[in-house]
Amino acid sequence: MKKMKNNSQLPKIVSRNEWFKARKKLLDEEKELTRLRDQLSAKRRRLPMVKVEKDYVFEGPADKASLLDLFDGHRQLIIGHFMFAPEWEKGCPSCSSSADEISKAHLEHLHASKTSFTYVSRAPLDKIEAYRAQKGWTFPWYSSYGSDFNYDFHVTLDESVAPIEYNYRTKAEHEEAGTSYYFEGEQPIELPGFSFFLRDGDSVFHTYSTYARGGEMIGGSHYMLDLTALGRQEAWEEPLNREAGLLLVDQKVDRIHDEYDDSRASDSCCSSSKGNS
């Protein structure tokens, strides 16, 4: 058996004792990052919200739908802004890679926390449906073709339609920051993002949007819920009692997707009720 060379590109080879010390040191930093992330999530949940006054119309496989319809009866809605322009035959490769990770179980975990998820693109519905069928995807995906939705949420940029901004910076601010590459190319320009909404009765409120690398936070359902106004709906989260009565500490559900029921009552072996662990 050939001895492995000590390639300088690989991690340094050390004894188990040295590795353990280094790992413990890194663990302290990881725990601090977890605490900071929890604090940031609490600040996110304390953000004010804006009532959505415009009547957006989307087209889905069944029929036309309003923004309220996209909640599908849930309290919260996450919309993925999937880059797919009307003239394109295929969706954005990067958005497609992200969408590949959205599974049936992923959606059911979100639904169990009264949160709906859907993608929205400007492409006409027939193109969306053809591309979704090609990929074998089953998640909800609506067309905003002909509406102002993408422009209002700054994921389609066209100066002939509205002043352009992306990730909360104007074109001039991006130029000053050295990130003007977002505006390169022929307009309209499609860009990625995720937007979050909360429903109170029939009133819909915009609570949060994240763009650019902010989309990297969209992974497991816990991190997705961290970006919503109601959070994970666990007892330890601040602000406390945001959704009083939805979950009790002994009702936290971390189950396999086909084990959810309407009551959500369960004992969990791996509950994250201790937020700083």
Protein backbone atom coordinates (compact mmCIF):
# COMPACT_ATOMS: atom_id res chain seq x y z
CA MET A 1 0.00 0.00 0.00
CA LYS A 2 1.39 3.37 -1.00
CA LYS A 3 1.90 5.90 1.75
CA MET A 4 -0.20 9.04 1.27
CA LYS A 5 1.93 12.09 0.56
CA ASN A 6 1.56 15.08 2.88
CA ASN A 7 -0.14 17.26 0.27
CA SER A 8 -0.01 20.89 1.36
CA GLN A 9 -3.52 21.36 -0.05
CA LEU A 10 -4.93 18.82 2.39
CA PRO A 11 -5.52 19.38 6.14
CA LYS A 12 -2.46 19.05 8.34
CA ILE A 13 -1.96 15.55 9.74
CA VAL A 14 -1.79 15.58 13.54
CA SER A 15 -2.33 13.25 16.49
CA ARG A 16 -5.83 12.53 17.80
CA ASN A 17 -5.07 14.65 20.89
CA GLU A 18 -4.02 17.67 18.79
CA TRP A 19 -7.09 17.26 16.59
CA PHE A 20 -9.35 17.09 19.65
CA LYS A 21 -7.95 20.36 21.06
CA ALA A 22 -8.40 22.12 17.71
CA ARG A 23 -11.93 20.76 17.36
CA LYS A 24 -12.89 21.93 20.86
CA LYS A 25 -11.61 25.40 20.07
CA LEU A 26 -13.65 25.52 16.88
CA LEU A 27 -16.70 24.23 18.77
CA ASP A 28 -16.60 27.29 21.01
CA GLU A 29 -16.77 29.50 17.91
CA GLU A 30 -19.56 27.41 16.43
CA LYS A 31 -21.61 27.76 19.60
CA GLU A 32 -21.05 31.51 19.59
CA LEU A 33 -22.21 31.63 15.96
CA THR A 34 -25.35 29.68 16.93
CA ARG A 35 -26.08 32.17 19.71
CA LEU A 36 -25.51 35.11 17.35
CA ARG A 37 -27.70 33.52 14.69
CA ASP A 38 -30.50 33.07 17.25
CA GLN A 39 -30.16 36.73 18.25
CA LEU A 40 -30.27 37.79 14.60
CA SER A 41 -33.33 35.63 13.99
CA ALA A 42 -35.05 37.29 16.97
CA LYS A 43 -34.27 40.72 15.50
CA ARG A 44 -35.67 39.53 12.17
CA ARG A 45 -38.91 38.47 13.85
CA ARG A 46 -39.13 41.91 15.48
CA LEU A 47 -39.00 43.70 12.12
CA PRO A 48 -42.14 45.70 11.35
CA MET A 49 -44.27 44.55 8.44
CA VAL A 50 -46.01 46.19 5.49
CA LYS A 51 -49.55 45.47 4.35
CA VAL A 52 -49.70 44.33 0.72
CA GLU A 53 -52.34 46.53 -0.86
CA LYS A 54 -51.92 45.57 -4.53
CA ASP A 55 -54.08 42.78 -5.95
CA TYR A 56 -51.49 40.59 -7.67
CA VAL A 57 -52.80 37.88 -9.98
CA PHE A 58 -50.81 34.68 -10.55
CA GLU A 59 -51.52 31.75 -12.84
CA GLY A 60 -51.20 28.20 -11.59
CA PRO A 61 -52.06 24.74 -12.89
CA ALA A 62 -55.60 24.87 -11.49
CA ASP A 63 -56.58 28.50 -12.10
CA LYS A 64 -55.66 32.10 -11.49
CA ALA A 65 -54.73 32.89 -7.90
CA SER A 66 -54.26 35.87 -5.61
CA LEU A 67 -51.37 36.32 -3.20
CA LEU A 68 -53.76 35.25 -0.43
CA ASP A 69 -54.54 32.05 -2.36
CA LEU A 70 -50.85 31.13 -2.39
CA PHE A 71 -50.98 30.73 1.42
CA ASP A 72 -53.16 27.66 0.81
CA GLY A 73 -54.80 28.21 4.20
CA HIS A 74 -51.56 28.57 6.15
CA ARG A 75 -50.48 31.53 8.31
CA GLN A 76 -47.24 32.21 6.47
CA LEU A 77 -46.01 32.11 2.88
CA ILE A 78 -42.49 31.81 1.51
CA ILE A 79 -42.03 32.72 -2.15
CA GLY A 80 -38.91 31.75 -4.03
CA HIS A 81 -38.23 34.17 -6.86
CA PHE A 82 -37.15 31.67 -9.52
CA MET A 83 -35.29 33.34 -12.40
CA PHE A 84 -37.22 32.38 -15.53
CA ALA A 85 -37.87 35.17 -18.04
CA PRO A 86 -40.81 34.92 -20.48
CA GLU A 87 -38.51 34.52 -23.49
CA TRP A 88 -36.38 31.76 -21.92
CA GLU A 89 -37.03 28.10 -22.67
CA LYS A 90 -35.42 26.90 -19.44
CA GLY A 91 -35.15 28.22 -15.90
CA CYS A 92 -31.97 29.59 -14.36
CA PRO A 93 -29.45 26.77 -13.68
CA SER A 94 -28.58 28.12 -10.23
CA CYS A 95 -32.25 28.45 -9.24
CA SER A 96 -32.82 24.96 -10.62
CA SER A 97 -30.06 23.55 -8.46
CA SER A 98 -31.65 25.13 -5.38
CA ALA A 99 -35.13 23.92 -6.37
CA ASP A 100 -33.81 20.37 -6.72
CA GLU A 101 -33.47 20.29 -2.93
CA ILE A 102 -37.13 21.11 -2.26
CA SER A 103 -38.67 17.73 -1.47
CA LYS A 104 -42.20 16.64 -0.57
CA ALA A 105 -41.02 16.06 3.01
CA HIS A 106 -39.43 19.53 3.06
CA LEU A 107 -42.80 21.08 2.23
CA GLU A 108 -44.64 18.93 4.76
CA HIS A 109 -42.31 20.08 7.54
CA LEU A 110 -43.13 23.67 6.60
CA HIS A 111 -46.86 22.94 6.40
CA ALA A 112 -46.72 21.47 9.90
CA SER A 113 -45.55 24.91 11.03
CA LYS A 114 -48.44 26.56 9.16
CA THR A 115 -46.13 27.82 6.42
CA SER A 116 -46.62 27.47 2.69
CA PHE A 117 -43.88 27.54 0.05
CA THR A 118 -44.10 28.25 -3.66
CA TYR A 119 -41.93 29.46 -6.49
CA VAL A 120 -42.95 32.39 -8.70
CA SER A 121 -41.49 33.29 -12.10
CA ARG A 122 -42.31 35.71 -14.90
CA ALA A 123 -42.33 32.94 -17.51
CA PRO A 124 -45.76 31.95 -18.84
CA LEU A 125 -47.34 28.98 -17.11
CA ASP A 126 -46.94 26.62 -20.08
CA LYS A 127 -43.16 27.08 -20.00
CA ILE A 128 -43.06 26.64 -16.23
CA GLU A 129 -45.13 23.45 -16.41
CA ALA A 130 -43.02 21.99 -19.21
CA TYR A 131 -39.79 22.69 -17.35
CA ARG A 132 -41.16 21.39 -14.05
CA ALA A 133 -42.31 18.16 -15.72
CA GLN A 134 -38.89 17.76 -17.33
CA LYS A 135 -37.23 18.01 -13.92
CA GLY A 136 -39.80 15.86 -12.12
CA TRP A 137 -40.58 18.56 -9.56
CA THR A 138 -43.87 18.58 -7.65
CA PHE A 139 -43.64 21.78 -5.57
CA PRO A 140 -46.08 24.64 -6.29
CA TRP A 141 -44.89 27.06 -8.99
CA TYR A 142 -46.90 30.02 -10.25
CA SER A 143 -46.49 32.47 -13.10
CA SER A 144 -46.52 36.21 -12.43
CA TYR A 145 -46.53 36.93 -16.17
CA GLY A 146 -48.11 40.30 -16.92
CA SER A 147 -48.16 41.50 -13.29
CA ASP A 148 -46.00 43.96 -11.35
CA PHE A 149 -45.06 41.40 -8.73
CA ASN A 150 -41.44 40.76 -9.79
CA TYR A 151 -40.78 44.46 -10.32
CA ASP A 152 -42.31 45.46 -6.98
CA PHE A 153 -40.16 42.92 -5.13
CA HIS A 154 -37.02 43.93 -7.07
CA VAL A 155 -36.17 40.62 -8.70
CA THR A 156 -36.87 41.85 -12.23
CA LEU A 157 -35.00 45.06 -13.01
CA ASP A 158 -36.15 47.32 -15.81
CA GLU A 159 -35.60 51.07 -15.65
CA SER A 160 -38.38 51.58 -18.21
CA VAL A 161 -40.84 50.11 -15.71
CA ALA A 162 -39.59 51.32 -12.32
CA PRO A 163 -36.45 52.69 -10.61
CA ILE A 164 -34.17 49.74 -10.10
CA GLU A 165 -32.68 48.47 -6.89
CA TYR A 166 -31.41 45.11 -5.69
CA ASN A 167 -30.64 43.87 -2.21
CA TYR A 168 -31.74 47.20 -0.76
CA ARG A 169 -29.23 49.22 -2.78
CA THR A 170 -29.81 51.50 -5.73
CA LYS A 171 -27.77 51.23 -8.88
CA ALA A 172 -25.60 54.15 -7.72
CA GLU A 173 -25.01 52.51 -4.32
CA HIS A 174 -24.00 49.25 -6.02
CA GLU A 175 -21.59 51.13 -8.26
CA GLU A 176 -20.02 52.75 -5.20
CA ALA A 177 -19.78 49.38 -3.44
CA GLY A 178 -18.23 47.65 -6.45
CA THR A 179 -21.22 45.35 -6.99
CA SER A 180 -22.62 46.91 -10.15
CA TYR A 181 -22.39 43.50 -11.85
CA TYR A 182 -25.99 42.92 -10.77
CA PHE A 183 -27.05 45.46 -13.38
CA GLU A 184 -24.92 44.20 -16.26
CA GLY A 185 -26.66 42.98 -19.40
CA GLU A 186 -29.77 43.88 -21.29
CA GLN A 187 -32.83 44.80 -19.29
CA PRO A 188 -35.11 43.42 -18.00
CA ILE A 189 -32.69 41.57 -15.72
CA GLU A 190 -33.84 38.58 -13.67
CA LEU A 191 -32.32 38.15 -10.20
CA PRO A 192 -32.90 35.67 -7.35
CA GLY A 193 -34.44 36.15 -3.94
CA PHE A 194 -36.94 34.91 -1.39
CA SER A 195 -39.85 36.88 0.08
CA PHE A 196 -41.83 36.14 3.24
CA PHE A 197 -45.42 36.98 4.05
CA LEU A 198 -47.75 36.71 7.05
CA ARG A 199 -51.53 36.45 6.90
CA ASP A 200 -53.91 37.90 9.48
CA GLY A 201 -57.36 36.88 8.35
CA ASP A 202 -57.60 38.00 4.74
CA SER A 203 -54.95 40.70 5.15
CA VAL A 204 -51.47 39.89 3.80
CA PHE A 205 -48.29 41.48 5.13
CA HIS A 206 -44.76 41.46 3.72
CA THR A 207 -42.37 40.70 6.59
CA TYR A 208 -38.99 40.02 4.96
CA SER A 209 -37.09 39.51 1.72
CA THR A 210 -33.54 38.31 1.16
CA TYR A 211 -31.49 38.48 -2.00
CA ALA A 212 -28.13 37.50 -3.50
CA ARG A 213 -26.20 35.24 -1.09
CA GLY A 214 -29.02 35.58 1.43
CA GLY A 215 -30.69 32.78 -0.50
CA GLU A 216 -28.01 30.42 0.76
CA MET A 217 -29.88 30.35 4.07
CA ILE A 218 -32.72 28.48 2.40
CA GLY A 219 -31.95 24.89 3.24
CA GLY A 220 -33.49 22.82 6.01
CA SER A 221 -36.96 23.78 7.15
CA HIS A 222 -35.65 25.16 10.47
CA TYR A 223 -33.50 27.74 8.70
CA MET A 224 -36.37 28.56 6.36
CA LEU A 225 -38.66 29.12 9.34
CA ASP A 226 -35.96 31.29 10.97
CA LEU A 227 -36.57 33.78 8.17
CA THR A 228 -40.31 34.01 8.83
CA ALA A 229 -42.15 36.30 11.22
CA LEU A 230 -43.35 33.42 13.43
CA GLY A 231 -40.01 31.61 13.44
CA ARG A 232 -39.81 27.93 14.44
CA GLN A 233 -42.68 28.45 16.90
CA GLU A 234 -40.70 26.96 19.77
CA ALA A 235 -40.97 28.05 23.40
CA TRP A 236 -37.40 29.36 23.67
CA GLU A 237 -37.62 31.80 20.77
CA GLU A 238 -37.80 35.53 21.24
CA PRO A 239 -39.98 37.50 21.16
CA LEU A 240 -41.79 35.13 23.50
CA ASN A 241 -45.37 34.03 22.83
CA ARG A 242 -45.38 35.39 19.28
CA GLU A 243 -47.81 32.62 18.35
CA ALA A 244 -49.25 31.70 21.74
CA GLY A 245 -51.04 28.38 21.81
CA LEU A 246 -49.74 27.13 18.45
CA LEU A 247 -47.13 24.97 20.14
CA LEU A 248 -46.39 24.04 23.71
CA VAL A 249 -42.87 23.12 24.71
CA ASP A 250 -43.79 19.43 25.02
CA GLN A 251 -45.54 19.50 21.66
CA LYS A 252 -42.53 20.41 19.53
CA VAL A 253 -42.63 18.23 16.45
CA ASP A 254 -39.42 17.01 14.84
CA ARG A 255 -40.80 14.00 13.04
CA ILE A 256 -40.57 12.18 9.75
CA HIS A 257 -42.81 13.88 7.18
CA ASP A 258 -45.42 11.10 7.03
CA GLU A 259 -45.90 11.17 10.81
CA TYR A 260 -47.46 14.62 10.98
CA ASP A 261 -51.08 14.93 12.03
CA ASP A 262 -53.44 17.83 12.68
CA SER A 263 -52.79 17.92 16.43
CA ARG A 264 -49.00 18.07 16.06
CA ALA A 265 -48.73 16.53 19.53
CA SER A 266 -45.54 14.51 19.93
CA ASP A 267 -42.55 13.86 22.12
CA SER A 268 -39.36 14.57 20.25
CA CYS A 269 -36.00 12.94 20.92
CA CYS A 270 -34.13 15.82 19.31
CA SER A 271 -36.16 18.93 20.04
CA SER A 272 -34.28 22.20 19.75
CA SER A 273 -36.13 23.70 22.71
CA LYS A 274 -32.82 24.86 24.13
CA GLY A 275 -32.09 27.51 21.57
CA ASN A 276 -28.44 28.07 22.45
CA SER A 277 -27.35 24.44 22.41
